[in-house]
Amino acid sequence: MKKNKISLILLSFFILLSAVFLGYFYKVSHEQKKILPTLGNPGHRIDTFTFVNQDGKVITNKDVKGKICVVEYFFATCKGICPRMNENMTKVYQAYRGDKGIMILSHTVDPKKDTVAALKAYSQKFDADSKQWMFLTGDKKQLYDMARFSYLVTAVDTEIVDIKSDFIHTKYWVLVDGAGRIRGMYDGTDIGAVNQLIGDIAELKKENEQ
């Protein structure tokens, strides 16, 4: 009887010890901040740019300095992946709507057709506030140079680059931190990747608060 009592006490002690350990492990693991990678060659930063948004306002890199940006490439007449991508982008937009530190930059790959007026009409489908979700057009060479050499989207999506006609059609979004560094790439057609992006933006916000 005495041995049973001792065994019961020891069992209770080990159960309590295990509960304390598991609780501590859970607390520590959830308090640890997720460190997002920095993509590109060491020291890579987004280059300077000058584009025009859906309101006809000139937008430069100075307008996004210090802000977290989600970058995509699309065209308004696209019947393929673009509508799904921008429907998914509304989830990101709604998650951070009104947050002045978060911007979405949607660049056209067809500036000839995507005039300011066309982009304005397109943006209204998504109830996009031009101060936070910008649909950008401008010089085709600069748009494409930014895609290739700054945002590096063709590095992960070369199968959708039509070199002969010089046309980029990519499903990937790019996450850029306030210092102009690339911190992630996401498949804009995949809802799991979209949810990951929403979470990663929150992690970058924590970095900015440090």
C-alpha atoms as a PDB file:
ATOM      1  CA  MET A   1       0.000   0.000   0.000  1.00  0.00           C
ATOM      2  CA  LYS A   2       2.850   2.315   0.924  1.00  0.00           C
ATOM      3  CA  LYS A   3       4.667   1.486  -2.341  1.00  0.00           C
ATOM      4  CA  ASN A   4       1.530   2.255  -4.326  1.00  0.00           C
ATOM      5  CA  LYS A   5       1.214   5.609  -2.598  1.00  0.00           C
ATOM      6  CA  ILE A   6       4.852   6.477  -3.354  1.00  0.00           C
ATOM      7  CA  SER A   7       4.420   5.396  -6.974  1.00  0.00           C
ATOM      8  CA  LEU A   8       1.323   7.564  -7.266  1.00  0.00           C
ATOM      9  CA  ILE A   9       3.181  10.567  -5.806  1.00  0.00           C
ATOM     10  CA  LEU A  10       6.100  10.036  -8.204  1.00  0.00           C
ATOM     11  CA  LEU A  11       3.740   9.641 -11.162  1.00  0.00           C
ATOM     12  CA  SER A  12       1.935  12.861 -10.226  1.00  0.00           C
ATOM     13  CA  PHE A  13       5.256  14.658  -9.872  1.00  0.00           C
ATOM     14  CA  PHE A  14       6.439  13.570 -13.321  1.00  0.00           C
ATOM     15  CA  ILE A  15       3.097  14.518 -14.879  1.00  0.00           C
ATOM     16  CA  LEU A  16       3.346  17.961 -13.273  1.00  0.00           C
ATOM     17  CA  LEU A  17       6.979  18.321 -14.366  1.00  0.00           C
ATOM     18  CA  SER A  18       6.075  17.364 -17.934  1.00  0.00           C
ATOM     19  CA  ALA A  19       3.227  19.872 -17.989  1.00  0.00           C
ATOM     20  CA  VAL A  20       5.534  22.644 -16.779  1.00  0.00           C
ATOM     21  CA  PHE A  21       8.177  21.744 -19.373  1.00  0.00           C
ATOM     22  CA  LEU A  22       5.665  21.602 -22.233  1.00  0.00           C
ATOM     23  CA  GLY A  23       4.161  24.912 -21.166  1.00  0.00           C
ATOM     24  CA  TYR A  24       7.581  26.547 -21.081  1.00  0.00           C
ATOM     25  CA  PHE A  25       8.534  25.073 -24.476  1.00  0.00           C
ATOM     26  CA  TYR A  26       5.260  26.297 -26.012  1.00  0.00           C
ATOM     27  CA  LYS A  27       5.751  29.797 -24.576  1.00  0.00           C
ATOM     28  CA  VAL A  28       9.371  30.102 -25.769  1.00  0.00           C
ATOM     29  CA  SER A  29       8.682  28.713 -29.236  1.00  0.00           C
ATOM     30  CA  HIS A  30       5.786  31.123 -29.777  1.00  0.00           C
ATOM     31  CA  GLU A  31       7.672  34.126 -28.457  1.00  0.00           C
ATOM     32  CA  GLN A  32      10.578  33.624 -30.852  1.00  0.00           C
ATOM     33  CA  LYS A  33      10.374  36.015 -33.770  1.00  0.00           C
ATOM     34  CA  LYS A  34      10.421  34.605 -37.279  1.00  0.00           C
ATOM     35  CA  ILE A  35      13.445  35.915 -39.172  1.00  0.00           C
ATOM     36  CA  LEU A  36      12.641  36.381 -42.845  1.00  0.00           C
ATOM     37  CA  PRO A  37      15.475  35.796 -45.329  1.00  0.00           C
ATOM     38  CA  THR A  38      16.969  38.554 -47.448  1.00  0.00           C
ATOM     39  CA  LEU A  39      16.945  37.529 -51.101  1.00  0.00           C
ATOM     40  CA  GLY A  40      19.301  38.496 -53.920  1.00  0.00           C
ATOM     41  CA  ASN A  41      23.012  39.125 -53.835  1.00  0.00           C
ATOM     42  CA  PRO A  42      24.465  40.619 -50.648  1.00  0.00           C
ATOM     43  CA  GLY A  43      23.559  44.293 -50.426  1.00  0.00           C
ATOM     44  CA  HIS A  44      20.808  44.057 -53.068  1.00  0.00           C
ATOM     45  CA  ARG A  45      18.317  46.933 -52.868  1.00  0.00           C
ATOM     46  CA  ILE A  46      15.409  48.105 -55.001  1.00  0.00           C
ATOM     47  CA  ASP A  47      16.553  50.681 -57.554  1.00  0.00           C
ATOM     48  CA  THR A  48      15.144  54.186 -57.959  1.00  0.00           C
ATOM     49  CA  PHE A  49      12.029  54.474 -60.134  1.00  0.00           C
ATOM     50  CA  THR A  50       9.479  56.920 -61.493  1.00  0.00           C
ATOM     51  CA  PHE A  51       5.999  55.692 -62.452  1.00  0.00           C
ATOM     52  CA  VAL A  52       2.448  57.065 -62.579  1.00  0.00           C
ATOM     53  CA  ASN A  53      -0.441  55.701 -60.511  1.00  0.00           C
ATOM     54  CA  GLN A  54      -4.140  55.334 -61.320  1.00  0.00           C
ATOM     55  CA  ASP A  55      -4.781  58.947 -60.273  1.00  0.00           C
ATOM     56  CA  GLY A  56      -2.151  60.278 -62.673  1.00  0.00           C
ATOM     57  CA  LYS A  57       0.176  61.087 -59.789  1.00  0.00           C
ATOM     58  CA  VAL A  58       3.923  60.624 -60.277  1.00  0.00           C
ATOM     59  CA  ILE A  59       5.218  58.017 -57.818  1.00  0.00           C
ATOM     60  CA  THR A  60       8.898  57.512 -57.067  1.00  0.00           C
ATOM     61  CA  ASN A  61      10.927  55.345 -54.729  1.00  0.00           C
ATOM     62  CA  LYS A  62      10.843  58.247 -52.261  1.00  0.00           C
ATOM     63  CA  ASP A  63       7.101  57.695 -51.819  1.00  0.00           C
ATOM     64  CA  VAL A  64       7.660  54.164 -50.527  1.00  0.00           C
ATOM     65  CA  LYS A  65      10.797  54.801 -48.475  1.00  0.00           C
ATOM     66  CA  GLY A  66      10.536  53.151 -45.073  1.00  0.00           C
ATOM     67  CA  LYS A  67       7.347  51.290 -46.017  1.00  0.00           C
ATOM     68  CA  ILE A  68       6.705  47.576 -46.427  1.00  0.00           C
ATOM     69  CA  CYS A  69       5.647  46.934 -50.027  1.00  0.00           C
ATOM     70  CA  VAL A  70       3.959  44.028 -51.765  1.00  0.00           C
ATOM     71  CA  VAL A  71       4.857  44.120 -55.459  1.00  0.00           C
ATOM     72  CA  GLU A  72       3.159  42.409 -58.380  1.00  0.00           C
ATOM     73  CA  TYR A  73       3.122  42.530 -62.191  1.00  0.00           C
ATOM     74  CA  PHE A  74      -0.120  42.144 -64.161  1.00  0.00           C
ATOM     75  CA  PHE A  75      -2.122  43.666 -67.015  1.00  0.00           C
ATOM     76  CA  ALA A  76      -5.716  44.828 -66.936  1.00  0.00           C
ATOM     77  CA  THR A  77      -6.903  42.927 -70.021  1.00  0.00           C
ATOM     78  CA  CYS A  78      -5.481  39.617 -68.773  1.00  0.00           C
ATOM     79  CA  LYS A  79      -8.011  36.765 -68.782  1.00  0.00           C
ATOM     80  CA  GLY A  80      -5.661  34.230 -67.234  1.00  0.00           C
ATOM     81  CA  ILE A  81      -4.008  34.420 -63.817  1.00  0.00           C
ATOM     82  CA  CYS A  82      -4.286  38.185 -63.204  1.00  0.00           C
ATOM     83  CA  PRO A  83      -7.955  38.301 -62.071  1.00  0.00           C
ATOM     84  CA  ARG A  84      -7.326  35.517 -59.554  1.00  0.00           C
ATOM     85  CA  MET A  85      -4.124  37.172 -58.373  1.00  0.00           C
ATOM     86  CA  ASN A  86      -5.822  40.494 -57.725  1.00  0.00           C
ATOM     87  CA  GLU A  87      -8.802  38.853 -56.046  1.00  0.00           C
ATOM     88  CA  ASN A  88      -6.248  37.236 -53.737  1.00  0.00           C
ATOM     89  CA  MET A  89      -4.456  40.561 -53.338  1.00  0.00           C
ATOM     90  CA  THR A  90      -7.645  42.008 -51.863  1.00  0.00           C
ATOM     91  CA  LYS A  91      -7.107  39.646 -48.915  1.00  0.00           C
ATOM     92  CA  VAL A  92      -3.729  41.258 -48.268  1.00  0.00           C
ATOM     93  CA  TYR A  93      -5.239  44.711 -48.797  1.00  0.00           C
ATOM     94  CA  GLN A  94      -8.111  44.098 -46.373  1.00  0.00           C
ATOM     95  CA  ALA A  95      -5.746  42.625 -43.759  1.00  0.00           C
ATOM     96  CA  TYR A  96      -3.736  45.883 -43.655  1.00  0.00           C
ATOM     97  CA  ARG A  97      -6.153  48.443 -45.027  1.00  0.00           C
ATOM     98  CA  GLY A  98      -5.509  51.852 -43.508  1.00  0.00           C
ATOM     99  CA  ASP A  99      -2.011  50.907 -42.321  1.00  0.00           C
ATOM    100  CA  LYS A 100       0.176  53.721 -43.657  1.00  0.00           C
ATOM    101  CA  GLY A 101       3.279  51.565 -43.339  1.00  0.00           C
ATOM    102  CA  ILE A 102       2.014  48.971 -45.848  1.00  0.00           C
ATOM    103  CA  MET A 103       1.701  49.556 -49.603  1.00  0.00           C
ATOM    104  CA  ILE A 104       0.769  47.420 -52.598  1.00  0.00           C
ATOM    105  CA  LEU A 105       2.430  48.246 -55.915  1.00  0.00           C
ATOM    106  CA  SER A 106       0.755  46.629 -58.925  1.00  0.00           C
ATOM    107  CA  HIS A 107       2.837  47.272 -62.049  1.00  0.00           C
ATOM    108  CA  THR A 108       1.397  46.829 -65.515  1.00  0.00           C
ATOM    109  CA  VAL A 109       3.378  44.835 -68.060  1.00  0.00           C
ATOM    110  CA  ASP A 110       1.304  46.327 -70.878  1.00  0.00           C
ATOM    111  CA  PRO A 111       1.694  50.116 -70.489  1.00  0.00           C
ATOM    112  CA  LYS A 112       0.511  50.756 -74.044  1.00  0.00           C
ATOM    113  CA  LYS A 113      -3.003  49.550 -73.221  1.00  0.00           C
ATOM    114  CA  ASP A 114      -2.968  50.185 -69.483  1.00  0.00           C
ATOM    115  CA  THR A 115      -3.329  53.945 -69.511  1.00  0.00           C
ATOM    116  CA  VAL A 116      -3.989  55.924 -66.346  1.00  0.00           C
ATOM    117  CA  ALA A 117      -7.725  55.883 -67.133  1.00  0.00           C
ATOM    118  CA  ALA A 118      -7.693  52.119 -67.747  1.00  0.00           C
ATOM    119  CA  LEU A 119      -5.883  51.482 -64.476  1.00  0.00           C
ATOM    120  CA  LYS A 120      -8.272  53.751 -62.592  1.00  0.00           C
ATOM    121  CA  ALA A 121     -11.258  51.795 -63.882  1.00  0.00           C
ATOM    122  CA  TYR A 122      -9.514  48.515 -63.083  1.00  0.00           C
ATOM    123  CA  SER A 123      -8.588  49.602 -59.552  1.00  0.00           C
ATOM    124  CA  GLN A 124     -12.199  50.449 -58.793  1.00  0.00           C
ATOM    125  CA  LYS A 125     -13.122  46.785 -59.186  1.00  0.00           C
ATOM    126  CA  PHE A 126     -11.158  46.166 -56.006  1.00  0.00           C
ATOM    127  CA  ASP A 127     -12.163  49.325 -54.140  1.00  0.00           C
ATOM    128  CA  ALA A 128      -8.463  50.211 -54.033  1.00  0.00           C
ATOM    129  CA  ASP A 129      -7.407  53.351 -52.182  1.00  0.00           C
ATOM    130  CA  SER A 130      -4.721  54.870 -54.408  1.00  0.00           C
ATOM    131  CA  LYS A 131      -2.786  56.038 -51.362  1.00  0.00           C
ATOM    132  CA  GLN A 132      -2.188  52.428 -50.337  1.00  0.00           C
ATOM    133  CA  TRP A 133      -2.838  50.177 -53.340  1.00  0.00           C
ATOM    134  CA  MET A 134      -1.240  51.739 -56.397  1.00  0.00           C
ATOM    135  CA  PHE A 135      -1.666  50.532 -59.960  1.00  0.00           C
ATOM    136  CA  LEU A 136       1.412  51.784 -61.779  1.00  0.00           C
ATOM    137  CA  THR A 137       2.252  52.444 -65.413  1.00  0.00           C
ATOM    138  CA  GLY A 138       5.102  54.200 -67.174  1.00  0.00           C
ATOM    139  CA  ASP A 139       7.995  53.516 -69.490  1.00  0.00           C
ATOM    140  CA  LYS A 140       7.994  49.842 -70.502  1.00  0.00           C
ATOM    141  CA  LYS A 141      11.755  49.470 -70.254  1.00  0.00           C
ATOM    142  CA  GLN A 142      11.832  50.816 -66.714  1.00  0.00           C
ATOM    143  CA  LEU A 143       8.865  48.653 -65.700  1.00  0.00           C
ATOM    144  CA  TYR A 144      10.616  45.570 -67.054  1.00  0.00           C
ATOM    145  CA  ASP A 145      14.046  46.511 -65.737  1.00  0.00           C
ATOM    146  CA  MET A 146      12.544  46.850 -62.267  1.00  0.00           C
ATOM    147  CA  ALA A 147      10.951  43.403 -62.610  1.00  0.00           C
ATOM    148  CA  ARG A 148      14.162  41.764 -63.799  1.00  0.00           C
ATOM    149  CA  PHE A 149      16.897  43.544 -61.912  1.00  0.00           C
ATOM    150  CA  SER A 150      15.268  45.020 -58.796  1.00  0.00           C
ATOM    151  CA  TYR A 151      12.372  42.716 -57.879  1.00  0.00           C
ATOM    152  CA  LEU A 152      14.028  39.652 -59.460  1.00  0.00           C
ATOM    153  CA  VAL A 153      10.700  38.085 -60.462  1.00  0.00           C
ATOM    154  CA  THR A 154      12.108  36.576 -63.658  1.00  0.00           C
ATOM    155  CA  ALA A 155      14.676  34.688 -61.616  1.00  0.00           C
ATOM    156  CA  VAL A 156      11.911  32.435 -60.245  1.00  0.00           C
ATOM    157  CA  ASP A 157       9.490  32.586 -63.144  1.00  0.00           C
ATOM    158  CA  THR A 158      11.471  32.375 -66.360  1.00  0.00           C
ATOM    159  CA  GLU A 159       9.022  29.987 -67.979  1.00  0.00           C
ATOM    160  CA  ILE A 160       6.465  32.802 -68.225  1.00  0.00           C
ATOM    161  CA  VAL A 161       8.825  35.308 -69.795  1.00  0.00           C
ATOM    162  CA  ASP A 162       8.214  35.632 -73.533  1.00  0.00           C
ATOM    163  CA  ILE A 163      11.650  36.836 -74.615  1.00  0.00           C
ATOM    164  CA  LYS A 164      10.764  37.108 -78.311  1.00  0.00           C
ATOM    165  CA  SER A 165       7.991  39.650 -77.704  1.00  0.00           C
ATOM    166  CA  ASP A 166       9.561  40.986 -74.491  1.00  0.00           C
ATOM    167  CA  PHE A 167       6.534  40.257 -72.331  1.00  0.00           C
ATOM    168  CA  ILE A 168       6.662  39.332 -68.655  1.00  0.00           C
ATOM    169  CA  HIS A 169       3.729  37.438 -67.188  1.00  0.00           C
ATOM    170  CA  THR A 170       4.440  36.305 -63.650  1.00  0.00           C
ATOM    171  CA  LYS A 171       2.340  34.897 -60.833  1.00  0.00           C
ATOM    172  CA  TYR A 172       4.892  35.811 -58.174  1.00  0.00           C
ATOM    173  CA  TRP A 173       4.558  38.626 -55.687  1.00  0.00           C
ATOM    174  CA  VAL A 174       7.544  40.198 -53.964  1.00  0.00           C
ATOM    175  CA  LEU A 175       7.728  41.373 -50.353  1.00  0.00           C
ATOM    176  CA  VAL A 176      10.034  44.371 -49.872  1.00  0.00           C
ATOM    177  CA  ASP A 177      10.965  45.794 -46.486  1.00  0.00           C
ATOM    178  CA  GLY A 178      11.361  49.439 -45.547  1.00  0.00           C
ATOM    179  CA  ALA A 179      15.051  49.351 -46.425  1.00  0.00           C
ATOM    180  CA  GLY A 180      14.338  48.252 -49.999  1.00  0.00           C
ATOM    181  CA  ARG A 181      15.423  44.636 -49.471  1.00  0.00           C
ATOM    182  CA  ILE A 182      13.531  41.633 -50.872  1.00  0.00           C
ATOM    183  CA  ARG A 183      12.290  39.492 -47.993  1.00  0.00           C
ATOM    184  CA  GLY A 184      10.097  36.951 -49.751  1.00  0.00           C
ATOM    185  CA  MET A 185       8.426  35.745 -52.950  1.00  0.00           C
ATOM    186  CA  TYR A 186       4.953  34.243 -53.063  1.00  0.00           C
ATOM    187  CA  ASP A 187       2.701  32.540 -55.580  1.00  0.00           C
ATOM    188  CA  GLY A 188      -0.177  34.997 -55.909  1.00  0.00           C
ATOM    189  CA  THR A 189      -2.483  32.287 -57.256  1.00  0.00           C
ATOM    190  CA  ASP A 190      -2.071  30.074 -54.174  1.00  0.00           C
ATOM    191  CA  ILE A 191      -4.172  30.980 -51.144  1.00  0.00           C
ATOM    192  CA  GLY A 192      -1.745  29.245 -48.790  1.00  0.00           C
ATOM    193  CA  ALA A 193       1.077  31.447 -50.047  1.00  0.00           C
ATOM    194  CA  VAL A 194      -1.171  34.502 -49.742  1.00  0.00           C
ATOM    195  CA  ASN A 195      -1.870  33.697 -46.087  1.00  0.00           C
ATOM    196  CA  GLN A 196       1.848  33.183 -45.504  1.00  0.00           C
ATOM    197  CA  LEU A 197       2.510  36.624 -46.986  1.00  0.00           C
ATOM    198  CA  ILE A 198      -0.034  38.199 -44.647  1.00  0.00           C
ATOM    199  CA  GLY A 199       1.779  36.609 -41.712  1.00  0.00           C
ATOM    200  CA  ASP A 200       5.215  37.594 -42.990  1.00  0.00           C
ATOM    201  CA  ILE A 201       4.131  41.231 -43.287  1.00  0.00           C
ATOM    202  CA  ALA A 202       3.273  41.097 -39.590  1.00  0.00           C
ATOM    203  CA  GLU A 203       6.785  39.801 -38.888  1.00  0.00           C
ATOM    204  CA  LEU A 204       8.327  42.697 -40.823  1.00  0.00           C
ATOM    205  CA  LYS A 205       6.201  45.121 -38.844  1.00  0.00           C
ATOM    206  CA  LYS A 206       7.740  43.658 -35.678  1.00  0.00           C
ATOM    207  CA  GLU A 207      11.217  44.213 -37.150  1.00  0.00           C
ATOM    208  CA  ASN A 208      10.359  47.849 -37.804  1.00  0.00           C
ATOM    209  CA  GLU A 209       9.229  48.280 -34.212  1.00  0.00           C
ATOM    210  CA  GLN A 210      12.557  47.111 -32.783  1.00  0.00           C
END
